[in-house]
PDB file of N, CA and C in Angstrom:
ATOM      1  N   MET A   1       3.981 -87.006 165.318  1.00  0.00           N
ATOM      2  CA  MET A   1       5.475 -86.731 165.479  1.00  0.00           C
ATOM      3  C   MET A   1       5.795 -86.668 166.891  1.00  0.00           C
ATOM      4  N   HIS A   2       6.899 -87.154 167.302  1.00  0.00           N
ATOM      5  CA  HIS A   2       7.252 -87.076 168.684  1.00  0.00           C
ATOM      6  C   HIS A   2       8.375 -85.949 168.867  1.00  0.00           C
ATOM      7  N   LEU A   3       8.069 -85.071 169.859  1.00  0.00           N
ATOM      8  CA  LEU A   3       9.003 -83.908 170.102  1.00  0.00           C
ATOM      9  C   LEU A   3       9.898 -84.286 171.342  1.00  0.00           C
ATOM     10  N   ILE A   4      11.170 -84.602 171.119  1.00  0.00           N
ATOM     11  CA  ILE A   4      12.120 -84.924 172.090  1.00  0.00           C
ATOM     12  C   ILE A   4      12.512 -83.672 172.862  1.00  0.00           C
ATOM     13  N   SER A   5      12.503 -83.770 174.186  1.00  0.00           N
ATOM     14  CA  SER A   5      12.816 -82.679 175.052  1.00  0.00           C
ATOM     15  C   SER A   5      11.701 -81.600 175.105  1.00  0.00           C
ATOM     16  N   ALA A   6      10.413 -81.914 174.934  1.00  0.00           N
ATOM     17  CA  ALA A   6       9.304 -81.046 174.985  1.00  0.00           C
ATOM     18  C   ALA A   6       9.310 -80.321 176.291  1.00  0.00           C
ATOM     19  N   GLU A   7       9.514 -80.968 177.392  1.00  0.00           N
ATOM     20  CA  GLU A   7       9.559 -80.386 178.828  1.00  0.00           C
ATOM     21  C   GLU A   7      10.552 -79.375 178.875  1.00  0.00           C
ATOM     22  N   ARG A   8      11.845 -79.666 178.322  1.00  0.00           N
ATOM     23  CA  ARG A   8      12.828 -78.773 178.394  1.00  0.00           C
ATOM     24  C   ARG A   8      12.502 -77.449 177.579  1.00  0.00           C
ATOM     25  N   PHE A   9      11.990 -77.590 176.386  1.00  0.00           N
ATOM     26  CA  PHE A   9      11.482 -76.561 175.637  1.00  0.00           C
ATOM     27  C   PHE A   9      10.478 -75.663 176.415  1.00  0.00           C
ATOM     28  N   ILE A  10       9.489 -76.290 177.044  1.00  0.00           N
ATOM     29  CA  ILE A  10       8.491 -75.450 177.840  1.00  0.00           C
ATOM     30  C   ILE A  10       9.148 -74.904 178.944  1.00  0.00           C
ATOM     31  N   THR A  11      10.167 -75.500 179.635  1.00  0.00           N
ATOM     32  CA  THR A  11      10.788 -74.905 180.775  1.00  0.00           C
ATOM     33  C   THR A  11      11.581 -73.613 180.461  1.00  0.00           C
ATOM     34  N   LEU A  12      12.259 -73.728 179.192  1.00  0.00           N
ATOM     35  CA  LEU A  12      13.026 -72.559 178.764  1.00  0.00           C
ATOM     36  C   LEU A  12      12.148 -71.536 178.333  1.00  0.00           C
ATOM     37  N   ALA A  13      11.020 -71.826 177.713  1.00  0.00           N
ATOM     38  CA  ALA A  13      10.048 -70.820 177.338  1.00  0.00           C
ATOM     39  C   ALA A  13       9.518 -70.078 178.525  1.00  0.00           C
ATOM     40  N   SER A  14       9.331 -70.807 179.638  1.00  0.00           N
ATOM     41  CA  SER A  14       8.670 -70.228 180.801  1.00  0.00           C
ATOM     42  C   SER A  14       9.628 -69.099 181.339  1.00  0.00           C
ATOM     43  N   LYS A  15      10.829 -68.971 180.966  1.00  0.00           N
ATOM     44  CA  LYS A  15      11.613 -67.849 181.498  1.00  0.00           C
ATOM     45  C   LYS A  15      11.172 -66.529 180.810  1.00  0.00           C
ATOM     46  N   HIS A  16      10.296 -66.736 179.779  1.00  0.00           N
ATOM     47  CA  HIS A  16       9.651 -65.566 179.049  1.00  0.00           C
ATOM     48  C   HIS A  16       8.221 -65.752 179.212  1.00  0.00           C
ATOM     49  N   PRO A  17       7.514 -65.229 180.289  1.00  0.00           N
ATOM     50  CA  PRO A  17       6.181 -65.546 180.572  1.00  0.00           C
ATOM     51  C   PRO A  17       5.117 -65.463 179.428  1.00  0.00           C
ATOM     52  N   ASN A  18       5.425 -64.566 178.453  1.00  0.00           N
ATOM     53  CA  ASN A  18       4.608 -64.301 177.377  1.00  0.00           C
ATOM     54  C   ASN A  18       4.713 -65.360 176.259  1.00  0.00           C
ATOM     55  N   THR A  19       5.545 -66.537 176.522  1.00  0.00           N
ATOM     56  CA  THR A  19       5.623 -67.513 175.489  1.00  0.00           C
ATOM     57  C   THR A  19       5.238 -68.900 176.062  1.00  0.00           C
ATOM     58  N   VAL A  20       4.869 -69.085 177.298  1.00  0.00           N
ATOM     59  CA  VAL A  20       4.543 -70.342 177.877  1.00  0.00           C
ATOM     60  C   VAL A  20       3.355 -70.996 177.102  1.00  0.00           C
ATOM     61  N   GLU A  21       2.359 -70.309 176.917  1.00  0.00           N
ATOM     62  CA  GLU A  21       1.214 -70.966 176.285  1.00  0.00           C
ATOM     63  C   GLU A  21       1.419 -71.266 174.761  1.00  0.00           C
ATOM     64  N   ILE A  22       2.326 -70.395 174.230  1.00  0.00           N
ATOM     65  CA  ILE A  22       2.701 -70.560 172.805  1.00  0.00           C
ATOM     66  C   ILE A  22       3.477 -71.883 172.705  1.00  0.00           C
ATOM     67  N   ALA A  23       4.397 -72.046 173.717  1.00  0.00           N
ATOM     68  CA  ALA A  23       5.205 -73.303 173.678  1.00  0.00           C
ATOM     69  C   ALA A  23       4.377 -74.577 173.901  1.00  0.00           C
ATOM     70  N   LYS A  24       3.427 -74.453 174.839  1.00  0.00           N
ATOM     71  CA  LYS A  24       2.583 -75.606 175.065  1.00  0.00           C
ATOM     72  C   LYS A  24       1.778 -75.937 173.861  1.00  0.00           C
ATOM     73  N   SER A  25       1.280 -74.969 173.225  1.00  0.00           N
ATOM     74  CA  SER A  25       0.467 -75.100 172.019  1.00  0.00           C
ATOM     75  C   SER A  25       1.351 -75.768 170.942  1.00  0.00           C
ATOM     76  N   PHE A  26       2.422 -75.145 170.741  1.00  0.00           N
ATOM     77  CA  PHE A  26       3.411 -75.637 169.692  1.00  0.00           C
ATOM     78  C   PHE A  26       3.815 -77.142 169.983  1.00  0.00           C
ATOM     79  N   ALA A  27       4.090 -77.501 171.137  1.00  0.00           N
ATOM     80  CA  ALA A  27       4.477 -78.814 171.517  1.00  0.00           C
ATOM     81  C   ALA A  27       3.341 -79.780 171.135  1.00  0.00           C
ATOM     82  N   LYS A  28       2.114 -79.419 171.408  1.00  0.00           N
ATOM     83  CA  LYS A  28       0.917 -80.246 171.175  1.00  0.00           C
ATOM     84  C   LYS A  28       0.683 -80.299 169.629  1.00  0.00           C
ATOM     85  N   LYS A  29       1.005 -79.163 168.864  1.00  0.00           N
ATOM     86  CA  LYS A  29       0.856 -79.280 167.401  1.00  0.00           C
ATOM     87  C   LYS A  29       1.833 -80.385 166.772  1.00  0.00           C
ATOM     88  N   VAL A  30       3.058 -80.228 167.252  1.00  0.00           N
ATOM     89  CA  VAL A  30       4.081 -81.203 166.835  1.00  0.00           C
ATOM     90  C   VAL A  30       3.606 -82.613 167.117  1.00  0.00           C
ATOM     91  N   LYS A  31       3.137 -82.814 168.313  1.00  0.00           N
ATOM     92  CA  LYS A  31       2.618 -84.261 168.689  1.00  0.00           C
ATOM     93  C   LYS A  31       1.522 -84.643 167.681  1.00  0.00           C
ATOM     94  N   ASP A  32       0.629 -83.761 167.370  1.00  0.00           N
ATOM     95  CA  ASP A  32      -0.519 -84.067 166.499  1.00  0.00           C
ATOM     96  C   ASP A  32      -0.302 -84.183 165.063  1.00  0.00           C
ATOM     97  N   SER A  33       1.003 -83.774 164.642  1.00  0.00           N
ATOM     98  CA  SER A  33       1.421 -83.675 163.225  1.00  0.00           C
ATOM     99  C   SER A  33       2.121 -85.001 162.840  1.00  0.00           C
ATOM    100  N   SER A  34       2.193 -85.050 161.459  1.00  0.00           N
ATOM    101  CA  SER A  34       2.941 -86.145 160.865  1.00  0.00           C
ATOM    102  C   SER A  34       3.697 -85.534 159.594  1.00  0.00           C
ATOM    103  N   TRP A  35       4.372 -84.469 159.806  1.00  0.00           N
ATOM    104  CA  TRP A  35       5.059 -83.733 158.640  1.00  0.00           C
ATOM    105  C   TRP A  35       5.937 -84.656 157.989  1.00  0.00           C
ATOM    106  N   GLN A  36       5.938 -84.548 156.591  1.00  0.00           N
ATOM    107  CA  GLN A  36       6.762 -85.381 155.762  1.00  0.00           C
ATOM    108  C   GLN A  36       7.946 -84.525 155.168  1.00  0.00           C
ATOM    109  N   ASN A  37       7.796 -83.227 155.228  1.00  0.00           N
ATOM    110  CA  ASN A  37       8.882 -82.412 154.684  1.00  0.00           C
ATOM    111  C   ASN A  37       8.593 -80.918 155.260  1.00  0.00           C
ATOM    112  N   LEU A  38       9.606 -80.061 154.903  1.00  0.00           N
ATOM    113  CA  LEU A  38       9.504 -78.724 155.275  1.00  0.00           C
ATOM    114  C   LEU A  38       8.213 -78.013 154.702  1.00  0.00           C
ATOM    115  N   ILE A  39       7.845 -78.353 153.429  1.00  0.00           N
ATOM    116  CA  ILE A  39       6.679 -77.783 152.834  1.00  0.00           C
ATOM    117  C   ILE A  39       5.528 -77.911 153.683  1.00  0.00           C
ATOM    118  N   GLU A  40       5.309 -79.140 154.259  1.00  0.00           N
ATOM    119  CA  GLU A  40       4.181 -79.423 155.126  1.00  0.00           C
ATOM    120  C   GLU A  40       4.232 -78.627 156.491  1.00  0.00           C
ATOM    121  N   VAL A  41       5.462 -78.441 156.983  1.00  0.00           N
ATOM    122  CA  VAL A  41       5.629 -77.580 158.191  1.00  0.00           C
ATOM    123  C   VAL A  41       5.276 -76.260 157.862  1.00  0.00           C
ATOM    124  N   GLN A  42       5.716 -75.767 156.697  1.00  0.00           N
ATOM    125  CA  GLN A  42       5.357 -74.244 156.340  1.00  0.00           C
ATOM    126  C   GLN A  42       3.895 -74.108 156.121  1.00  0.00           C
ATOM    127  N   ALA A  43       3.078 -75.202 155.868  1.00  0.00           N
ATOM    128  CA  ALA A  43       1.633 -75.047 155.595  1.00  0.00           C
ATOM    129  C   ALA A  43       0.969 -74.731 156.968  1.00  0.00           C
ATOM    130  N   ASN A  44       1.649 -74.994 158.096  1.00  0.00           N
ATOM    131  CA  ASN A  44       1.140 -74.644 159.484  1.00  0.00           C
ATOM    132  C   ASN A  44       1.993 -73.383 160.034  1.00  0.00           C
ATOM    133  N   TYR A  45       3.178 -73.362 159.717  1.00  0.00           N
ATOM    134  CA  TYR A  45       4.095 -72.257 160.216  1.00  0.00           C
ATOM    135  C   TYR A  45       4.795 -71.602 159.076  1.00  0.00           C
ATOM    136  N   LEU A  46       4.247 -70.492 158.601  1.00  0.00           N
ATOM    137  CA  LEU A  46       4.822 -69.822 157.354  1.00  0.00           C
ATOM    138  C   LEU A  46       6.149 -69.362 157.496  1.00  0.00           C
ATOM    139  N   SER A  47       6.530 -69.087 158.805  1.00  0.00           N
ATOM    140  CA  SER A  47       7.940 -68.552 159.040  1.00  0.00           C
ATOM    141  C   SER A  47       8.972 -69.597 159.165  1.00  0.00           C
ATOM    142  N   ALA A  48       8.580 -70.893 159.104  1.00  0.00           N
ATOM    143  CA  ALA A  48       9.515 -71.914 159.319  1.00  0.00           C
ATOM    144  C   ALA A  48      10.464 -71.923 158.073  1.00  0.00           C
ATOM    145  N   GLU A  49      11.761 -72.138 158.472  1.00  0.00           N
ATOM    146  CA  GLU A  49      12.731 -72.152 157.445  1.00  0.00           C
ATOM    147  C   GLU A  49      13.900 -73.152 157.702  1.00  0.00           C
ATOM    148  N   ALA A  50      14.482 -73.797 156.686  1.00  0.00           N
ATOM    149  CA  ALA A  50      15.656 -74.495 156.946  1.00  0.00           C
ATOM    150  C   ALA A  50      16.902 -73.715 157.064  1.00  0.00           C
ATOM    151  N   VAL A  51      17.633 -73.927 158.126  1.00  0.00           N
ATOM    152  CA  VAL A  51      18.893 -73.204 158.285  1.00  0.00           C
ATOM    153  C   VAL A  51      19.909 -74.322 158.607  1.00  0.00           C
ATOM    154  N   GLY A  52      20.827 -74.520 157.817  1.00  0.00           N
ATOM    155  CA  GLY A  52      21.700 -75.687 158.080  1.00  0.00           C
ATOM    156  C   GLY A  52      20.898 -77.002 158.217  1.00  0.00           C
ATOM    157  N   ASN A  53      21.071 -77.836 159.102  1.00  0.00           N
ATOM    158  CA  ASN A  53      20.307 -79.006 159.326  1.00  0.00           C
ATOM    159  C   ASN A  53      19.163 -78.863 160.258  1.00  0.00           C
ATOM    160  N   PHE A  54      18.814 -77.579 160.676  1.00  0.00           N
ATOM    161  CA  PHE A  54      17.773 -77.339 161.608  1.00  0.00           C
ATOM    162  C   PHE A  54      16.648 -76.658 160.788  1.00  0.00           C
ATOM    163  N   THR A  55      15.477 -76.657 161.599  1.00  0.00           N
ATOM    164  CA  THR A  55      14.384 -75.903 161.156  1.00  0.00           C
ATOM    165  C   THR A  55      14.115 -74.806 162.168  1.00  0.00           C
ATOM    166  N   VAL A  56      14.074 -73.530 161.663  1.00  0.00           N
ATOM    167  CA  VAL A  56      13.899 -72.417 162.544  1.00  0.00           C
ATOM    168  C   VAL A  56      12.514 -71.851 162.407  1.00  0.00           C
ATOM    169  N   PHE A  57      11.908 -71.599 163.549  1.00  0.00           N
ATOM    170  CA  PHE A  57      10.490 -71.026 163.628  1.00  0.00           C
ATOM    171  C   PHE A  57      10.600 -69.673 164.346  1.00  0.00           C
ATOM    172  N   ASN A  58       9.981 -68.617 163.748  1.00  0.00           N
ATOM    173  CA  ASN A  58       9.758 -67.356 164.357  1.00  0.00           C
ATOM    174  C   ASN A  58       8.587 -67.403 165.360  1.00  0.00           C
ATOM    175  N   ILE A  59       8.777 -66.946 166.604  1.00  0.00           N
ATOM    176  CA  ILE A  59       7.841 -67.031 167.690  1.00  0.00           C
ATOM    177  C   ILE A  59       7.526 -65.681 168.188  1.00  0.00           C
ATOM    178  N   LYS A  60       6.214 -65.403 168.424  1.00  0.00           N
ATOM    179  CA  LYS A  60       5.771 -64.207 168.985  1.00  0.00           C
ATOM    180  C   LYS A  60       6.201 -62.997 168.278  1.00  0.00           C
ATOM    181  N   GLY A  61       5.778 -62.954 167.038  1.00  0.00           N
ATOM    182  CA  GLY A  61       6.175 -61.777 166.193  1.00  0.00           C
ATOM    183  C   GLY A  61       7.634 -61.678 165.983  1.00  0.00           C
ATOM    184  N   ASN A  62       8.326 -62.671 165.871  1.00  0.00           N
ATOM    185  CA  ASN A  62       9.804 -62.742 165.528  1.00  0.00           C
ATOM    186  C   ASN A  62      10.665 -62.223 166.781  1.00  0.00           C
ATOM    187  N   LYS A  63      10.045 -62.215 167.918  1.00  0.00           N
ATOM    188  CA  LYS A  63      10.814 -61.863 169.109  1.00  0.00           C
ATOM    189  C   LYS A  63      11.663 -63.032 169.657  1.00  0.00           C
ATOM    190  N   TYR A  64      11.219 -64.202 169.353  1.00  0.00           N
ATOM    191  CA  TYR A  64      11.967 -65.489 169.704  1.00  0.00           C
ATOM    192  C   TYR A  64      12.168 -66.333 168.497  1.00  0.00           C
ATOM    193  N   ARG A  65      13.014 -67.220 168.606  1.00  0.00           N
ATOM    194  CA  ARG A  65      13.374 -68.339 167.610  1.00  0.00           C
ATOM    195  C   ARG A  65      13.460 -69.608 168.366  1.00  0.00           C
ATOM    196  N   LEU A  66      12.689 -70.537 167.751  1.00  0.00           N
ATOM    197  CA  LEU A  66      12.641 -71.961 168.191  1.00  0.00           C
ATOM    198  C   LEU A  66      13.359 -72.745 167.169  1.00  0.00           C
ATOM    199  N   ILE A  67      14.393 -73.544 167.568  1.00  0.00           N
ATOM    200  CA  ILE A  67      15.196 -74.332 166.572  1.00  0.00           C
ATOM    201  C   ILE A  67      14.977 -75.766 166.939  1.00  0.00           C
ATOM    202  N   LEU A  68      14.602 -76.453 165.917  1.00  0.00           N
ATOM    203  CA  LEU A  68      14.397 -77.977 165.953  1.00  0.00           C
ATOM    204  C   LEU A  68      15.210 -78.690 164.860  1.00  0.00           C
ATOM    205  N   SER A  69      15.534 -79.923 165.214  1.00  0.00           N
ATOM    206  CA  SER A  69      16.159 -80.767 164.170  1.00  0.00           C
ATOM    207  C   SER A  69      15.058 -81.840 163.909  1.00  0.00           C
ATOM    208  N   ILE A  70      14.690 -81.938 162.731  1.00  0.00           N
ATOM    209  CA  ILE A  70      13.407 -82.823 162.462  1.00  0.00           C
ATOM    210  C   ILE A  70      13.838 -83.907 161.536  1.00  0.00           C
ATOM    211  N   ASP A  71      13.525 -85.188 161.971  1.00  0.00           N
ATOM    212  CA  ASP A  71      13.766 -86.378 161.093  1.00  0.00           C
ATOM    213  C   ASP A  71      12.432 -86.816 160.742  1.00  0.00           C
ATOM    214  N   TYR A  72      12.050 -86.424 159.437  1.00  0.00           N
ATOM    215  CA  TYR A  72      10.761 -86.739 158.959  1.00  0.00           C
ATOM    216  C   TYR A  72      10.512 -88.243 158.756  1.00  0.00           C
ATOM    217  N   GLU A  73      11.576 -88.958 158.376  1.00  0.00           N
ATOM    218  CA  GLU A  73      11.462 -90.382 158.160  1.00  0.00           C
ATOM    219  C   GLU A  73      10.974 -91.161 159.457  1.00  0.00           C
ATOM    220  N   ILE A  74      11.518 -90.879 160.496  1.00  0.00           N
ATOM    221  CA  ILE A  74      11.139 -91.471 161.829  1.00  0.00           C
ATOM    222  C   ILE A  74      10.152 -90.757 162.635  1.00  0.00           C
ATOM    223  N   GLN A  75       9.727 -89.612 162.058  1.00  0.00           N
ATOM    224  CA  GLN A  75       8.769 -88.813 162.821  1.00  0.00           C
ATOM    225  C   GLN A  75       9.131 -88.308 164.206  1.00  0.00           C
ATOM    226  N   VAL A  76      10.401 -87.730 164.281  1.00  0.00           N
ATOM    227  CA  VAL A  76      10.908 -87.233 165.427  1.00  0.00           C
ATOM    228  C   VAL A  76      11.406 -85.851 165.250  1.00  0.00           C
ATOM    229  N   ALA A  77      11.035 -84.963 166.184  1.00  0.00           N
ATOM    230  CA  ALA A  77      11.528 -83.541 166.150  1.00  0.00           C
ATOM    231  C   ALA A  77      12.383 -83.360 167.474  1.00  0.00           C
ATOM    232  N   TYR A  78      13.555 -83.016 167.281  1.00  0.00           N
ATOM    233  CA  TYR A  78      14.400 -82.791 168.448  1.00  0.00           C
ATOM    234  C   TYR A  78      14.461 -81.405 168.773  1.00  0.00           C
ATOM    235  N   PHE A  79      14.063 -80.901 170.087  1.00  0.00           N
ATOM    236  CA  PHE A  79      14.236 -79.524 170.470  1.00  0.00           C
ATOM    237  C   PHE A  79      15.632 -79.285 170.592  1.00  0.00           C
ATOM    238  N   LYS A  80      16.112 -78.117 170.019  1.00  0.00           N
ATOM    239  CA  LYS A  80      17.511 -77.775 170.118  1.00  0.00           C
ATOM    240  C   LYS A  80      17.704 -76.498 170.959  1.00  0.00           C
ATOM    241  N   TYR A  81      16.968 -75.364 170.501  1.00  0.00           N
ATOM    242  CA  TYR A  81      17.192 -74.085 171.247  1.00  0.00           C
ATOM    243  C   TYR A  81      16.000 -73.268 171.206  1.00  0.00           C
ATOM    244  N   PHE A  82      15.747 -72.450 172.115  1.00  0.00           N
ATOM    245  CA  PHE A  82      14.670 -71.570 172.310  1.00  0.00           C
ATOM    246  C   PHE A  82      15.410 -70.181 172.649  1.00  0.00           C
ATOM    247  N   LEU A  83      15.438 -69.171 171.747  1.00  0.00           N
ATOM    248  CA  LEU A  83      16.334 -67.949 171.894  1.00  0.00           C
ATOM    249  C   LEU A  83      15.578 -66.811 171.656  1.00  0.00           C
ATOM    250  N   THR A  84      16.016 -65.690 172.260  1.00  0.00           N
ATOM    251  CA  THR A  84      15.483 -64.455 171.827  1.00  0.00           C
ATOM    252  C   THR A  84      16.088 -64.043 170.489  1.00  0.00           C
ATOM    253  N   HIS A  85      15.502 -63.065 169.875  1.00  0.00           N
ATOM    254  CA  HIS A  85      15.993 -62.830 168.502  1.00  0.00           C
ATOM    255  C   HIS A  85      17.456 -62.414 168.549  1.00  0.00           C
ATOM    256  N   SER A  86      17.870 -61.567 169.589  1.00  0.00           N
ATOM    257  CA  SER A  86      19.268 -61.136 169.732  1.00  0.00           C
ATOM    258  C   SER A  86      20.181 -62.411 170.035  1.00  0.00           C
ATOM    259  N   GLU A  87      19.705 -63.270 170.834  1.00  0.00           N
ATOM    260  CA  GLU A  87      20.548 -64.477 171.029  1.00  0.00           C
ATOM    261  C   GLU A  87      20.796 -65.260 169.765  1.00  0.00           C
ATOM    262  N   TYR A  88      19.763 -65.362 169.083  1.00  0.00           N
ATOM    263  CA  TYR A  88      19.753 -66.082 167.705  1.00  0.00           C
ATOM    264  C   TYR A  88      20.827 -65.383 166.799  1.00  0.00           C
ATOM    265  N   ASP A  89      20.749 -64.036 166.687  1.00  0.00           N
ATOM    266  CA  ASP A  89      21.556 -63.233 165.861  1.00  0.00           C
ATOM    267  C   ASP A  89      23.088 -63.452 166.274  1.00  0.00           C
ATOM    268  N   GLU A  90      23.423 -63.744 167.578  1.00  0.00           N
ATOM    269  CA  GLU A  90      24.827 -63.993 167.969  1.00  0.00           C
ATOM    270  C   GLU A  90      25.348 -65.194 167.292  1.00  0.00           C
ATOM    271  N   GLU A  91      24.519 -66.136 166.777  1.00  0.00           N
ATOM    272  CA  GLU A  91      24.797 -67.276 165.966  1.00  0.00           C
ATOM    273  C   GLU A  91      25.696 -68.379 166.810  1.00  0.00           C
ATOM    274  N   LYS A  92      25.780 -68.286 168.120  1.00  0.00           N
ATOM    275  CA  LYS A  92      26.413 -69.276 168.840  1.00  0.00           C
ATOM    276  C   LYS A  92      25.868 -70.727 168.803  1.00  0.00           C
ATOM    277  N   TRP A  93      24.420 -70.710 168.414  1.00  0.00           N
ATOM    278  CA  TRP A  93      23.846 -71.960 168.241  1.00  0.00           C
ATOM    279  C   TRP A  93      24.331 -72.652 167.025  1.00  0.00           C
ATOM    280  N   LYS A  94      24.969 -72.012 166.140  1.00  0.00           N
ATOM    281  CA  LYS A  94      25.581 -72.665 164.886  1.00  0.00           C
ATOM    282  C   LYS A  94      26.875 -73.382 165.282  1.00  0.00           C
ATOM    283  N   ASP A  95      27.336 -73.304 166.544  1.00  0.00           N
ATOM    284  CA  ASP A  95      28.435 -74.176 166.948  1.00  0.00           C
ATOM    285  C   ASP A  95      27.977 -75.505 167.220  1.00  0.00           C
ATOM    286  N   ASP A  96      26.709 -75.837 167.247  1.00  0.00           N
ATOM    287  CA  ASP A  96      26.246 -77.176 167.457  1.00  0.00           C
ATOM    288  C   ASP A  96      26.732 -78.196 166.473  1.00  0.00           C
ATOM    289  N   PRO A  97      27.225 -79.304 166.953  1.00  0.00           N
ATOM    290  CA  PRO A  97      27.908 -80.235 165.959  1.00  0.00           C
ATOM    291  C   PRO A  97      26.921 -80.725 165.014  1.00  0.00           C
ATOM    292  N   HIS A  98      25.542 -80.668 165.241  1.00  0.00           N
ATOM    293  CA  HIS A  98      24.625 -81.254 164.254  1.00  0.00           C
ATOM    294  C   HIS A  98      24.165 -80.171 163.229  1.00  0.00           C
ATOM    295  N   TYR A  99      24.583 -78.970 163.384  1.00  0.00           N
ATOM    296  CA  TYR A  99      24.248 -77.831 162.555  1.00  0.00           C
ATOM    297  C   TYR A  99      24.777 -78.112 161.144  1.00  0.00           C
TER     298      TYR A  99
END
């Protein structure tokens, strides 16, 4: 699977030094995966859930949220947002036209 904007994701994660290695590892895991549906994603990431048209991942003990848009058919994951839990709760990301 191809992760669009992987560098942007890692750059944003680097603003929180305790998440840089997790971000790099996650980006590699996506690249090495060929998920066909949310159930397969959840086999690797139990906290992954569908919210609107996005897939939301809890990162670092639920301190951060990673939001992707995944197109299983063409095997592309689009990085959308990397937020703290409180930023996620503000729900501004739901203003995204693809939500």
